[in-house]
PDB file of N, CA and C in Angstrom:
ATOM      1  N   MET A   1      12.165   3.619 -12.343  1.00  0.00           N
ATOM      2  CA  MET A   1      11.433   2.594 -13.008  1.00  0.00           C
ATOM      3  C   MET A   1      12.429   1.387 -13.221  1.00  0.00           C
ATOM      4  N   GLN A   2      11.791   0.275 -12.758  1.00  0.00           N
ATOM      5  CA  GLN A   2      12.569  -1.079 -13.115  1.00  0.00           C
ATOM      6  C   GLN A   2      11.986  -1.839 -14.160  1.00  0.00           C
ATOM      7  N   PHE A   3      12.879  -2.670 -14.738  1.00  0.00           N
ATOM      8  CA  PHE A   3      12.499  -3.450 -15.942  1.00  0.00           C
ATOM      9  C   PHE A   3      11.810  -4.837 -15.254  1.00  0.00           C
ATOM     10  N   HIS A   4      10.548  -5.195 -15.412  1.00  0.00           N
ATOM     11  CA  HIS A   4      10.019  -6.414 -14.790  1.00  0.00           C
ATOM     12  C   HIS A   4       9.150  -7.036 -15.971  1.00  0.00           C
ATOM     13  N   PRO A   5       9.895  -7.767 -16.773  1.00  0.00           N
ATOM     14  CA  PRO A   5       9.092  -8.401 -17.902  1.00  0.00           C
ATOM     15  C   PRO A   5       8.284  -9.541 -17.391  1.00  0.00           C
ATOM     16  N   GLU A   6       8.743 -10.118 -16.139  1.00  0.00           N
ATOM     17  CA  GLU A   6       7.809 -11.321 -15.747  1.00  0.00           C
ATOM     18  C   GLU A   6       6.623 -10.836 -15.108  1.00  0.00           C
ATOM     19  N   ALA A   7       6.308  -9.504 -14.791  1.00  0.00           N
ATOM     20  CA  ALA A   7       5.070  -8.943 -14.257  1.00  0.00           C
ATOM     21  C   ALA A   7       3.939  -9.033 -15.311  1.00  0.00           C
ATOM     22  N   SER A   8       2.907  -9.792 -14.850  1.00  0.00           N
ATOM     23  CA  SER A   8       1.668  -9.815 -15.724  1.00  0.00           C
ATOM     24  C   SER A   8       0.771  -8.656 -15.187  1.00  0.00           C
ATOM     25  N   ALA A   9      -0.361  -8.529 -15.842  1.00  0.00           N
ATOM     26  CA  ALA A   9      -1.369  -7.474 -15.387  1.00  0.00           C
ATOM     27  C   ALA A   9      -1.803  -7.834 -13.974  1.00  0.00           C
ATOM     28  N   ALA A  10      -2.100  -9.063 -13.843  1.00  0.00           N
ATOM     29  CA  ALA A  10      -2.515  -9.578 -12.434  1.00  0.00           C
ATOM     30  C   ALA A  10      -1.521  -9.212 -11.486  1.00  0.00           C
ATOM     31  N   ASP A  11      -0.276  -9.479 -11.639  1.00  0.00           N
ATOM     32  CA  ASP A  11       0.788  -9.193 -10.745  1.00  0.00           C
ATOM     33  C   ASP A  11       0.809  -7.626 -10.286  1.00  0.00           C
ATOM     34  N   LEU A  12       0.428  -6.848 -11.260  1.00  0.00           N
ATOM     35  CA  LEU A  12       0.413  -5.297 -11.016  1.00  0.00           C
ATOM     36  C   LEU A  12      -0.422  -4.871  -9.813  1.00  0.00           C
ATOM     37  N   ALA A  13      -1.506  -5.708  -9.737  1.00  0.00           N
ATOM     38  CA  ALA A  13      -2.468  -5.352  -8.637  1.00  0.00           C
ATOM     39  C   ALA A  13      -1.969  -5.452  -7.303  1.00  0.00           C
ATOM     40  N   ARG A  14      -0.879  -6.080  -7.112  1.00  0.00           N
ATOM     41  CA  ARG A  14      -0.178  -6.043  -5.671  1.00  0.00           C
ATOM     42  C   ARG A  14       1.026  -5.019  -5.554  1.00  0.00           C
ATOM     43  N   TRP A  15       1.036  -4.264  -6.633  1.00  0.00           N
ATOM     44  CA  TRP A  15       2.117  -3.202  -6.505  1.00  0.00           C
ATOM     45  C   TRP A  15       1.651  -2.064  -5.689  1.00  0.00           C
ATOM     46  N   ASP A  16       2.520  -1.287  -5.128  1.00  0.00           N
ATOM     47  CA  ASP A  16       2.239   0.001  -4.380  1.00  0.00           C
ATOM     48  C   ASP A  16       1.752   1.121  -5.049  1.00  0.00           C
ATOM     49  N   ASP A  17       0.440   1.269  -5.062  1.00  0.00           N
ATOM     50  CA  ASP A  17      -0.219   2.437  -5.692  1.00  0.00           C
ATOM     51  C   ASP A  17       0.312   3.782  -5.244  1.00  0.00           C
ATOM     52  N   ALA A  18       0.639   3.930  -3.971  1.00  0.00           N
ATOM     53  CA  ALA A  18       1.062   5.186  -3.442  1.00  0.00           C
ATOM     54  C   ALA A  18       2.450   5.579  -4.012  1.00  0.00           C
ATOM     55  N   ALA A  19       3.295   4.450  -4.068  1.00  0.00           N
ATOM     56  CA  ALA A  19       4.702   4.665  -4.643  1.00  0.00           C
ATOM     57  C   ALA A  19       4.640   5.100  -6.110  1.00  0.00           C
ATOM     58  N   LEU A  20       3.729   4.389  -6.938  1.00  0.00           N
ATOM     59  CA  LEU A  20       3.555   4.781  -8.267  1.00  0.00           C
ATOM     60  C   LEU A  20       3.079   6.035  -8.440  1.00  0.00           C
ATOM     61  N   ARG A  21       2.058   6.520  -7.672  1.00  0.00           N
ATOM     62  CA  ARG A  21       1.668   7.902  -7.636  1.00  0.00           C
ATOM     63  C   ARG A  21       2.662   9.029  -7.488  1.00  0.00           C
ATOM     64  N   GLY A  22       3.675   8.582  -6.414  1.00  0.00           N
ATOM     65  CA  GLY A  22       4.697   9.400  -6.068  1.00  0.00           C
ATOM     66  C   GLY A  22       5.591   9.592  -7.243  1.00  0.00           C
ATOM     67  N   GLU A  23       5.663   8.648  -8.254  1.00  0.00           N
ATOM     68  CA  GLU A  23       6.400   8.771  -9.439  1.00  0.00           C
ATOM     69  C   GLU A  23       5.813   9.289 -10.711  1.00  0.00           C
ATOM     70  N   GLY A  24       4.463   9.833 -10.403  1.00  0.00           N
ATOM     71  CA  GLY A  24       3.722  10.442 -11.460  1.00  0.00           C
ATOM     72  C   GLY A  24       2.926   9.299 -12.267  1.00  0.00           C
ATOM     73  N   ARG A  25       2.711   8.093 -11.674  1.00  0.00           N
ATOM     74  CA  ARG A  25       2.175   7.134 -12.488  1.00  0.00           C
ATOM     75  C   ARG A  25       0.763   6.600 -11.820  1.00  0.00           C
ATOM     76  N   SER A  26      -0.179   6.069 -12.565  1.00  0.00           N
ATOM     77  CA  SER A  26      -1.308   5.572 -12.190  1.00  0.00           C
ATOM     78  C   SER A  26      -1.365   4.064 -12.293  1.00  0.00           C
ATOM     79  N   LEU A  27      -1.522   3.379 -11.146  1.00  0.00           N
ATOM     80  CA  LEU A  27      -1.690   1.913 -11.095  1.00  0.00           C
ATOM     81  C   LEU A  27      -2.909   1.455 -11.908  1.00  0.00           C
ATOM     82  N   PRO A  28      -4.027   1.964 -11.888  1.00  0.00           N
ATOM     83  CA  PRO A  28      -5.175   1.487 -12.728  1.00  0.00           C
ATOM     84  C   PRO A  28      -4.801   1.783 -14.132  1.00  0.00           C
ATOM     85  N   ASP A  29      -4.257   2.835 -14.539  1.00  0.00           N
ATOM     86  CA  ASP A  29      -3.716   3.047 -15.965  1.00  0.00           C
ATOM     87  C   ASP A  29      -2.561   1.876 -16.372  1.00  0.00           C
ATOM     88  N   LEU A  30      -1.674   1.697 -15.462  1.00  0.00           N
ATOM     89  CA  LEU A  30      -0.630   0.728 -15.724  1.00  0.00           C
ATOM     90  C   LEU A  30      -1.260  -0.592 -15.967  1.00  0.00           C
ATOM     91  N   ILE A  31      -2.196  -1.095 -15.052  1.00  0.00           N
ATOM     92  CA  ILE A  31      -2.797  -2.346 -15.093  1.00  0.00           C
ATOM     93  C   ILE A  31      -3.650  -2.441 -16.490  1.00  0.00           C
ATOM     94  N   ALA A  32      -4.360  -1.443 -16.857  1.00  0.00           N
ATOM     95  CA  ALA A  32      -5.106  -1.425 -18.156  1.00  0.00           C
ATOM     96  C   ALA A  32      -4.302  -1.545 -19.234  1.00  0.00           C
ATOM     97  N   ALA A  33      -3.030  -0.844 -19.251  1.00  0.00           N
ATOM     98  CA  ALA A  33      -2.019  -1.022 -20.379  1.00  0.00           C
ATOM     99  C   ALA A  33      -1.661  -2.373 -20.432  1.00  0.00           C
ATOM    100  N   ALA A  34      -1.219  -3.011 -19.345  1.00  0.00           N
ATOM    101  CA  ALA A  34      -0.732  -4.450 -19.276  1.00  0.00           C
ATOM    102  C   ALA A  34      -1.686  -5.309 -19.728  1.00  0.00           C
ATOM    103  N   GLU A  35      -3.070  -5.124 -19.309  1.00  0.00           N
ATOM    104  CA  GLU A  35      -4.020  -6.170 -19.851  1.00  0.00           C
ATOM    105  C   GLU A  35      -4.038  -6.094 -21.366  1.00  0.00           C
ATOM    106  N   ARG A  36      -3.822  -4.985 -22.003  1.00  0.00           N
ATOM    107  CA  ARG A  36      -3.944  -4.898 -23.431  1.00  0.00           C
ATOM    108  C   ARG A  36      -2.769  -5.615 -24.140  1.00  0.00           C
ATOM    109  N   VAL A  37      -1.649  -5.860 -23.454  1.00  0.00           N
ATOM    110  CA  VAL A  37      -0.518  -6.450 -24.155  1.00  0.00           C
ATOM    111  C   VAL A  37      -0.101  -7.720 -23.335  1.00  0.00           C
ATOM    112  N   ASP A  38      -1.033  -8.119 -22.467  1.00  0.00           N
ATOM    113  CA  ASP A  38      -0.536  -9.369 -21.666  1.00  0.00           C
ATOM    114  C   ASP A  38      -0.094 -10.534 -22.286  1.00  0.00           C
ATOM    115  N   PRO A  39      -0.897 -11.073 -23.357  1.00  0.00           N
ATOM    116  CA  PRO A  39      -0.401 -12.165 -24.152  1.00  0.00           C
ATOM    117  C   PRO A  39       0.792 -12.006 -24.831  1.00  0.00           C
ATOM    118  N   HIS A  40       1.029 -10.801 -25.358  1.00  0.00           N
ATOM    119  CA  HIS A  40       2.434 -10.466 -26.006  1.00  0.00           C
ATOM    120  C   HIS A  40       3.604 -10.457 -24.962  1.00  0.00           C
ATOM    121  N   ASN A  41       3.349  -9.711 -23.868  1.00  0.00           N
ATOM    122  CA  ASN A  41       4.347  -9.649 -22.809  1.00  0.00           C
ATOM    123  C   ASN A  41       4.736 -11.036 -22.225  1.00  0.00           C
ATOM    124  N   THR A  42       3.653 -11.814 -22.045  1.00  0.00           N
ATOM    125  CA  THR A  42       3.943 -13.413 -21.601  1.00  0.00           C
ATOM    126  C   THR A  42       4.966 -14.019 -22.543  1.00  0.00           C
ATOM    127  N   ALA A  43       4.466 -13.920 -23.898  1.00  0.00           N
ATOM    128  CA  ALA A  43       5.417 -14.616 -24.918  1.00  0.00           C
ATOM    129  C   ALA A  43       6.745 -14.085 -24.975  1.00  0.00           C
ATOM    130  N   ALA A  44       6.959 -12.727 -24.916  1.00  0.00           N
ATOM    131  CA  ALA A  44       8.110 -12.012 -24.963  1.00  0.00           C
ATOM    132  C   ALA A  44       8.975 -12.384 -23.787  1.00  0.00           C
ATOM    133  N   SER A  45       8.319 -12.436 -22.590  1.00  0.00           N
ATOM    134  CA  SER A  45       9.063 -12.737 -21.511  1.00  0.00           C
ATOM    135  C   SER A  45       9.699 -14.138 -21.419  1.00  0.00           C
ATOM    136  N   ARG A  46       8.846 -15.101 -21.922  1.00  0.00           N
ATOM    137  CA  ARG A  46       9.229 -16.422 -21.984  1.00  0.00           C
ATOM    138  C   ARG A  46      10.429 -16.561 -22.905  1.00  0.00           C
ATOM    139  N   GLY A  47      10.359 -15.825 -24.066  1.00  0.00           N
ATOM    140  CA  GLY A  47      11.480 -15.878 -25.086  1.00  0.00           C
ATOM    141  C   GLY A  47      12.878 -15.293 -24.361  1.00  0.00           C
ATOM    142  N   LEU A  48      12.633 -14.085 -23.701  1.00  0.00           N
ATOM    143  CA  LEU A  48      13.753 -13.558 -22.917  1.00  0.00           C
ATOM    144  C   LEU A  48      14.332 -14.631 -21.875  1.00  0.00           C
ATOM    145  N   VAL A  49      13.550 -15.318 -21.160  1.00  0.00           N
ATOM    146  CA  VAL A  49      14.032 -16.197 -20.009  1.00  0.00           C
ATOM    147  C   VAL A  49      14.761 -17.465 -20.928  1.00  0.00           C
ATOM    148  N   ASP A  50      14.116 -17.841 -22.030  1.00  0.00           N
ATOM    149  CA  ASP A  50      14.564 -19.094 -22.647  1.00  0.00           C
ATOM    150  C   ASP A  50      15.963 -18.690 -23.269  1.00  0.00           C
ATOM    151  N   ALA A  51      16.213 -17.517 -23.913  1.00  0.00           N
ATOM    152  CA  ALA A  51      17.288 -17.038 -24.476  1.00  0.00           C
ATOM    153  C   ALA A  51      18.516 -17.023 -23.359  1.00  0.00           C
ATOM    154  N   PHE A  52      18.145 -16.383 -22.265  1.00  0.00           N
ATOM    155  CA  PHE A  52      18.975 -16.178 -21.133  1.00  0.00           C
ATOM    156  C   PHE A  52      19.468 -17.682 -20.685  1.00  0.00           C
ATOM    157  N   ALA A  53      18.471 -18.568 -20.547  1.00  0.00           N
ATOM    158  CA  ALA A  53      18.978 -19.889 -20.034  1.00  0.00           C
ATOM    159  C   ALA A  53      19.843 -20.555 -21.044  1.00  0.00           C
ATOM    160  N   ASP A  54      19.418 -20.432 -22.373  1.00  0.00           N
ATOM    161  CA  ASP A  54      20.396 -21.030 -23.323  1.00  0.00           C
ATOM    162  C   ASP A  54      21.782 -20.539 -23.325  1.00  0.00           C
ATOM    163  N   GLU A  55      21.861 -19.063 -23.105  1.00  0.00           N
ATOM    164  CA  GLU A  55      23.155 -18.525 -22.970  1.00  0.00           C
ATOM    165  C   GLU A  55      23.937 -19.021 -21.785  1.00  0.00           C
ATOM    166  N   VAL A  56      23.394 -19.088 -20.674  1.00  0.00           N
ATOM    167  CA  VAL A  56      24.010 -19.682 -19.515  1.00  0.00           C
ATOM    168  C   VAL A  56      24.287 -21.199 -19.666  1.00  0.00           C
ATOM    169  N   LEU A  57      23.457 -21.897 -20.275  1.00  0.00           N
ATOM    170  CA  LEU A  57      23.733 -23.371 -20.424  1.00  0.00           C
ATOM    171  C   LEU A  57      24.906 -23.605 -21.423  1.00  0.00           C
ATOM    172  N   SER A  58      24.951 -22.703 -22.425  1.00  0.00           N
ATOM    173  CA  SER A  58      25.864 -22.931 -23.397  1.00  0.00           C
ATOM    174  C   SER A  58      27.434 -22.728 -22.788  1.00  0.00           C
ATOM    175  N   GLY A  59      27.585 -22.062 -21.620  1.00  0.00           N
ATOM    176  CA  GLY A  59      28.907 -21.851 -20.957  1.00  0.00           C
ATOM    177  C   GLY A  59      29.085 -23.030 -19.887  1.00  0.00           C
ATOM    178  N   VAL A  60      28.151 -23.835 -19.707  1.00  0.00           N
ATOM    179  CA  VAL A  60      28.271 -24.886 -18.595  1.00  0.00           C
ATOM    180  C   VAL A  60      29.411 -25.843 -19.273  1.00  0.00           C
ATOM    181  N   GLY A  61      30.287 -26.012 -18.405  1.00  0.00           N
ATOM    182  CA  GLY A  61      31.474 -27.047 -18.712  1.00  0.00           C
ATOM    183  C   GLY A  61      32.456 -26.447 -19.646  1.00  0.00           C
ATOM    184  N   ALA A  62      32.364 -25.152 -19.985  1.00  0.00           N
ATOM    185  CA  ALA A  62      33.236 -24.526 -20.888  1.00  0.00           C
ATOM    186  C   ALA A  62      34.609 -24.068 -20.289  1.00  0.00           C
TER     187      ALA A  62
END
């Protein structure tokens, strides 16, 4: 399993259902879970990206 904080519930619809089933996961269940937390996931992902950008930019010209 990989970490994809940028993936919204809508993005998951394009994921490979067969591959997920092969890992014992259900795409419909994953989408339903993502829909329940989508606003929080979006905010947290933006915070993660912003913090990463701040870290990168703080080293520019150092």
